[in-house]
Structures are given as structure tokens and as C-alpha cells.
């Protein structure tokens, strides 16, 4: 019950925060892109949280823990958070003042990619019981090399990059897209820093890096 309550409180706080960041700068609640994004993000999130609370409460607890202990990772998380705030606000202001116009077909494509990426996110959580929001090595942790982990070393980052780059297009803003470009850059730094830790503390990870060459983008990087 304590875990479920913690998850519910964070869910509601996240929903309220996103609502403030979108609808307040937009100057109206009549923001179709804002409501579309809220639905695409929070409905699957609620379903996933409910499933994890019943079937994998340990994994849910790990996903709720977002307190980084490493200095470099703390900085990356802080910059990422600031970038998201800026991206949401710029996208909402773009809607309010009509700075750019995303065609409907591109919004539809972005929405489909966003939902599909959420599916990848779920699959990564199914494959990796050690998955955490923070960079650390747990006692008894093993290298996962099957499924998506056989394609890229950080499939969770691959899924989130796809998801988050679709957000401004769902919100209807090309200017917001420019702000959201911070995310793949920060994720690249996070992945490199994380691999330094894993190479030192997780047995077999160096061999895994030699086997799976690509970090986040298949056949590219």
C-alpha cells in the first residue's frame, strides 16, 4: 500500500506539473496538442504503474527512485529537467502566439512513434529486472544481452530518445523541437559515463560491450 500510494502521489504530481507547464503558458485549456500529449503520456503510465504494482513491485520501487548519487549523473539529470521545462513552455508559447505550425499528418506520425516507443520501454522493463532510473550496480546483478539488449547496449535510452523527440511535434511546435534537442546530447553523455561504472563494477560488461557495438542508435552509435 505504501508503494502504491507513493506511485500515485508521484503520478498526480507529474500530471499537475505537466498541466501547469503546458496550459499556463498557452493561456488556455483549449490546447489540443497539450491534451493529446497528456493522454499519450499518462494513460499508458497509469496502466504500467498498476501492472508493476501487482506483478513486479520491486521494479516499480526502483523506477520511483530518481535520486542519483554520482556527481556527473546529478548534473545530467538537472540539465535534462531544465531542458524539459523549457521545451514544454516554448511549445505552449508557440501554440499561443502561432510561431510555427506542425502539419496534422506529422502530429499523427509523432503520436504513433511515441506510443510505439512506449511499447519498447515496456519491453525493456520486462527483459531487465535490474532496471533502475539511477546509475548503479546492484548485488547479484548480471549482464542482460538478449532481446533489445542484443541490438543496443542502452535500449531504454533508445526508447526515451524516440519518445521525447516526438513530444514537441505532438504539441505542435517546431521551436519546441529545437529545445528538446538537448535530450539526445545529454543521454549520450549519460550513457558514456554509465558504461565507465559498469565496466569497472559489473562482471562481464566489458565483454558485452565488445559483443554489442552500438550504444543507443543501431548501426550508427
Protein backbone atom coordinates (compact mmCIF):
# COMPACT_ATOMS: atom_id res chain seq x y z
CA UNK A 1 0.00 0.00 0.00
CA UNK A 2 2.87 2.38 0.82
CA UNK A 3 4.48 1.74 -2.56
CA UNK A 4 1.17 2.16 -4.39
CA UNK A 5 0.49 5.41 -2.53
CA UNK A 6 3.97 6.71 -3.37
CA UNK A 7 3.43 5.85 -7.03
CA UNK A 8 0.00 7.53 -7.04
CA UNK A 9 1.32 10.72 -5.43
CA UNK A 10 4.17 10.97 -7.95
CA UNK A 11 1.74 10.29 -10.79
CA UNK A 12 -0.62 13.08 -9.68
CA UNK A 13 2.27 15.50 -9.08
CA UNK A 14 3.66 14.75 -12.54
CA UNK A 15 0.26 15.26 -14.12
CA UNK A 16 -0.23 18.59 -12.36
CA UNK A 17 3.28 19.77 -13.23
CA UNK A 18 2.89 18.97 -16.92
CA UNK A 19 -0.52 20.65 -16.89
CA UNK A 20 0.93 23.84 -15.41
CA UNK A 21 3.89 23.86 -17.82
CA UNK A 22 1.62 23.45 -20.83
CA UNK A 23 -1.69 25.18 -20.22
CA UNK A 24 -0.46 28.17 -18.23
CA UNK A 25 1.97 29.42 -20.94
CA UNK A 26 -0.62 28.53 -23.59
CA UNK A 27 -3.01 30.91 -21.86
CA UNK A 28 -5.89 28.48 -22.30
CA UNK A 29 -7.01 24.93 -21.60
CA UNK A 30 -8.21 24.72 -25.20
CA UNK A 31 -4.86 23.36 -26.34
CA UNK A 32 -5.50 20.19 -28.41
CA UNK A 33 -1.84 19.23 -28.63
CA UNK A 34 -1.48 19.60 -24.88
CA UNK A 35 -4.41 17.30 -24.15
CA UNK A 36 -3.21 14.79 -26.75
CA UNK A 37 0.22 14.63 -25.13
CA UNK A 38 -1.25 14.30 -21.63
CA UNK A 39 -3.36 11.36 -22.80
CA UNK A 40 -0.50 9.64 -24.65
CA UNK A 41 1.85 10.00 -21.68
CA UNK A 42 -0.28 9.44 -18.61
CA UNK A 43 -2.77 6.77 -19.69
CA UNK A 44 -0.03 4.21 -20.53
CA UNK A 45 1.88 5.36 -17.43
CA UNK A 46 -1.11 4.62 -15.22
CA UNK A 47 -1.56 1.19 -16.80
CA UNK A 48 2.13 0.34 -16.47
CA UNK A 49 2.22 1.51 -12.86
CA UNK A 50 -0.81 -0.62 -11.98
CA UNK A 51 0.69 -3.71 -13.65
CA UNK A 52 4.06 -3.26 -11.95
CA UNK A 53 2.49 -2.69 -8.54
CA UNK A 54 0.87 -6.11 -8.80
CA UNK A 55 3.41 -8.20 -10.74
CA UNK A 56 6.77 -6.50 -10.14
CA UNK A 57 6.62 -4.20 -7.11
CA UNK A 58 10.42 -4.34 -6.69
CA UNK A 59 10.91 -2.98 -10.19
CA UNK A 60 8.30 -0.27 -9.59
CA UNK A 61 10.17 0.79 -6.46
CA UNK A 62 13.40 1.08 -8.47
CA UNK A 63 11.67 3.18 -11.13
CA UNK A 64 10.32 5.55 -8.47
CA UNK A 65 13.81 6.14 -7.05
CA UNK A 66 15.29 9.02 -9.04
CA UNK A 67 17.97 10.20 -6.60
CA UNK A 68 21.33 9.97 -8.36
CA UNK A 69 24.38 9.50 -6.18
CA UNK A 70 27.10 10.28 -8.76
CA UNK A 71 28.03 13.91 -9.32
CA UNK A 72 28.20 13.71 -13.11
CA UNK A 73 24.83 11.98 -13.34
CA UNK A 74 23.24 14.51 -10.97
CA UNK A 75 24.34 17.29 -13.31
CA UNK A 76 22.96 15.49 -16.37
CA UNK A 77 19.61 14.89 -14.66
CA UNK A 78 19.39 18.54 -13.56
CA UNK A 79 20.18 19.87 -17.04
CA UNK A 80 17.70 17.44 -18.55
CA UNK A 81 14.97 18.63 -16.19
CA UNK A 82 15.63 22.27 -17.04
CA UNK A 83 15.57 21.43 -20.73
CA UNK A 84 12.20 19.72 -20.44
CA UNK A 85 10.71 22.68 -18.61
CA UNK A 86 11.99 24.97 -21.35
CA UNK A 87 10.74 22.66 -24.09
CA UNK A 88 7.23 22.47 -22.67
CA UNK A 89 7.00 26.22 -22.08
CA UNK A 90 8.35 27.14 -25.54
CA UNK A 91 5.96 24.66 -27.21
CA UNK A 92 3.00 26.12 -25.31
CA UNK A 93 4.03 29.69 -26.14
CA UNK A 94 4.41 28.63 -29.76
CA UNK A 95 0.78 27.47 -29.73
CA UNK A 96 -0.32 30.68 -28.04
CA UNK A 97 1.40 33.05 -30.44
CA UNK A 98 1.44 30.93 -33.60
CA UNK A 99 5.19 30.95 -34.17
CA UNK A 100 5.14 27.68 -36.15
CA UNK A 101 2.64 25.17 -37.44
CA UNK A 102 3.16 21.39 -37.44
CA UNK A 103 1.03 19.66 -40.12
CA UNK A 104 -1.60 17.22 -38.88
CA UNK A 105 -0.02 14.23 -40.61
CA UNK A 106 3.27 14.83 -38.79
CA UNK A 107 1.47 15.07 -35.45
CA UNK A 108 -0.22 11.74 -36.18
CA UNK A 109 3.11 10.12 -37.10
CA UNK A 110 4.74 11.53 -33.97
CA UNK A 111 1.89 10.17 -31.84
CA UNK A 112 2.27 6.69 -33.34
CA UNK A 113 6.04 6.74 -32.82
CA UNK A 114 5.54 7.93 -29.24
CA UNK A 115 3.18 5.06 -28.40
CA UNK A 116 5.42 2.52 -30.17
CA UNK A 117 8.39 3.82 -28.19
CA UNK A 118 6.38 3.36 -25.02
CA UNK A 119 5.98 -0.25 -26.13
CA UNK A 120 9.77 -0.55 -26.41
CA UNK A 121 10.03 0.96 -22.94
CA UNK A 122 7.72 -1.72 -21.54
CA UNK A 123 9.67 -4.46 -23.29
CA UNK A 124 12.96 -3.26 -21.80
CA UNK A 125 11.40 -3.32 -18.34
CA UNK A 126 10.21 -6.87 -18.96
CA UNK A 127 13.67 -8.01 -20.06
CA UNK A 128 15.75 -6.35 -17.35
CA UNK A 129 14.79 -6.93 -13.72
CA UNK A 130 17.73 -4.75 -12.59
CA UNK A 131 16.50 -1.68 -14.45
CA UNK A 132 16.72 1.49 -12.38
CA UNK A 133 16.33 5.21 -13.01
CA UNK A 134 19.66 5.80 -11.29
CA UNK A 135 23.12 4.65 -12.39
CA UNK A 136 24.28 1.92 -10.02
CA UNK A 137 25.28 -1.75 -9.82
CA UNK A 138 23.24 -3.97 -7.51
CA UNK A 139 24.38 -7.04 -5.62
CA UNK A 140 23.95 -10.12 -7.80
CA UNK A 141 23.32 -8.05 -10.94
CA UNK A 142 24.03 -9.79 -14.23
CA UNK A 143 24.60 -8.53 -17.75
CA UNK A 144 21.48 -8.74 -19.92
CA UNK A 145 22.38 -9.45 -23.56
CA UNK A 146 19.15 -10.87 -25.02
CA UNK A 147 16.27 -9.19 -26.84
CA UNK A 148 16.72 -5.47 -27.37
CA UNK A 149 19.94 -5.65 -25.37
CA UNK A 150 21.36 -7.73 -28.21
CA UNK A 151 20.84 -4.78 -30.58
CA UNK A 152 21.95 -1.79 -28.50
CA UNK A 153 23.53 -1.57 -25.06
CA UNK A 154 21.02 1.01 -23.79
CA UNK A 155 17.60 0.18 -25.27
CA UNK A 156 15.85 2.18 -22.55
CA UNK A 157 17.68 5.31 -23.67
CA UNK A 158 16.83 4.48 -27.28
CA UNK A 159 13.13 4.30 -26.36
CA UNK A 160 13.16 7.53 -24.36
CA UNK A 161 15.03 9.46 -27.06
CA UNK A 162 12.38 8.42 -29.59
CA UNK A 163 9.60 9.32 -27.18
CA UNK A 164 10.90 12.69 -26.10
CA UNK A 165 11.84 13.87 -29.57
CA UNK A 166 8.22 13.29 -30.57
CA UNK A 167 6.83 15.45 -27.74
CA UNK A 168 7.15 18.89 -29.40
CA UNK A 169 5.68 17.54 -32.65
CA UNK A 170 2.70 16.20 -30.70
CA UNK A 171 2.43 19.61 -29.04
CA UNK A 172 2.55 21.24 -32.50
CA UNK A 173 5.81 23.17 -32.18
CA UNK A 174 8.95 23.19 -34.31
CA UNK A 175 10.52 25.73 -31.93
CA UNK A 176 9.96 23.33 -29.08
CA UNK A 177 11.74 20.66 -31.10
CA UNK A 178 14.88 22.81 -31.12
CA UNK A 179 14.79 22.98 -27.32
CA UNK A 180 14.21 19.23 -26.97
CA UNK A 181 17.37 18.54 -28.98
CA UNK A 182 19.22 18.86 -25.67
CA UNK A 183 17.95 15.43 -24.63
CA UNK A 184 19.84 13.09 -27.01
CA UNK A 185 23.04 15.04 -26.31
CA UNK A 186 22.67 14.63 -22.54
CA UNK A 187 21.69 10.97 -22.92
CA UNK A 188 24.86 10.36 -24.93
CA UNK A 189 26.95 11.78 -22.07
CA UNK A 190 24.93 9.74 -19.55
CA UNK A 191 25.46 6.50 -21.48
CA UNK A 192 29.22 7.01 -21.77
CA UNK A 193 29.52 7.87 -18.08
CA UNK A 194 27.34 4.92 -17.09
CA UNK A 195 29.46 2.49 -19.10
CA UNK A 196 32.57 3.58 -17.22
CA UNK A 197 30.91 2.48 -13.98
CA UNK A 198 29.52 -0.75 -15.42
CA UNK A 199 32.86 -1.70 -16.97
CA UNK A 200 34.51 -1.42 -13.56
CA UNK A 201 31.84 -2.91 -11.30
CA UNK A 202 29.69 -5.29 -13.36
CA UNK A 203 31.31 -8.61 -14.26
CA UNK A 204 31.12 -9.42 -17.97
CA UNK A 205 30.15 -5.92 -19.12
CA UNK A 206 33.43 -5.29 -20.99
CA UNK A 207 32.86 -8.48 -22.97
CA UNK A 208 29.25 -7.41 -23.60
CA UNK A 209 30.47 -4.06 -24.98
CA UNK A 210 32.68 -5.93 -27.46
CA UNK A 211 29.77 -8.15 -28.49
CA UNK A 212 27.15 -5.37 -28.88
CA UNK A 213 28.88 -2.46 -30.61
CA UNK A 214 26.13 0.17 -30.60
CA UNK A 215 25.07 2.16 -27.56
CA UNK A 216 21.74 3.75 -28.48
CA UNK A 217 21.25 4.05 -32.25
CA UNK A 218 21.56 0.75 -34.19
CA UNK A 219 24.29 0.79 -36.87
CA UNK A 220 25.16 4.41 -36.03
CA UNK A 221 26.27 4.89 -32.40
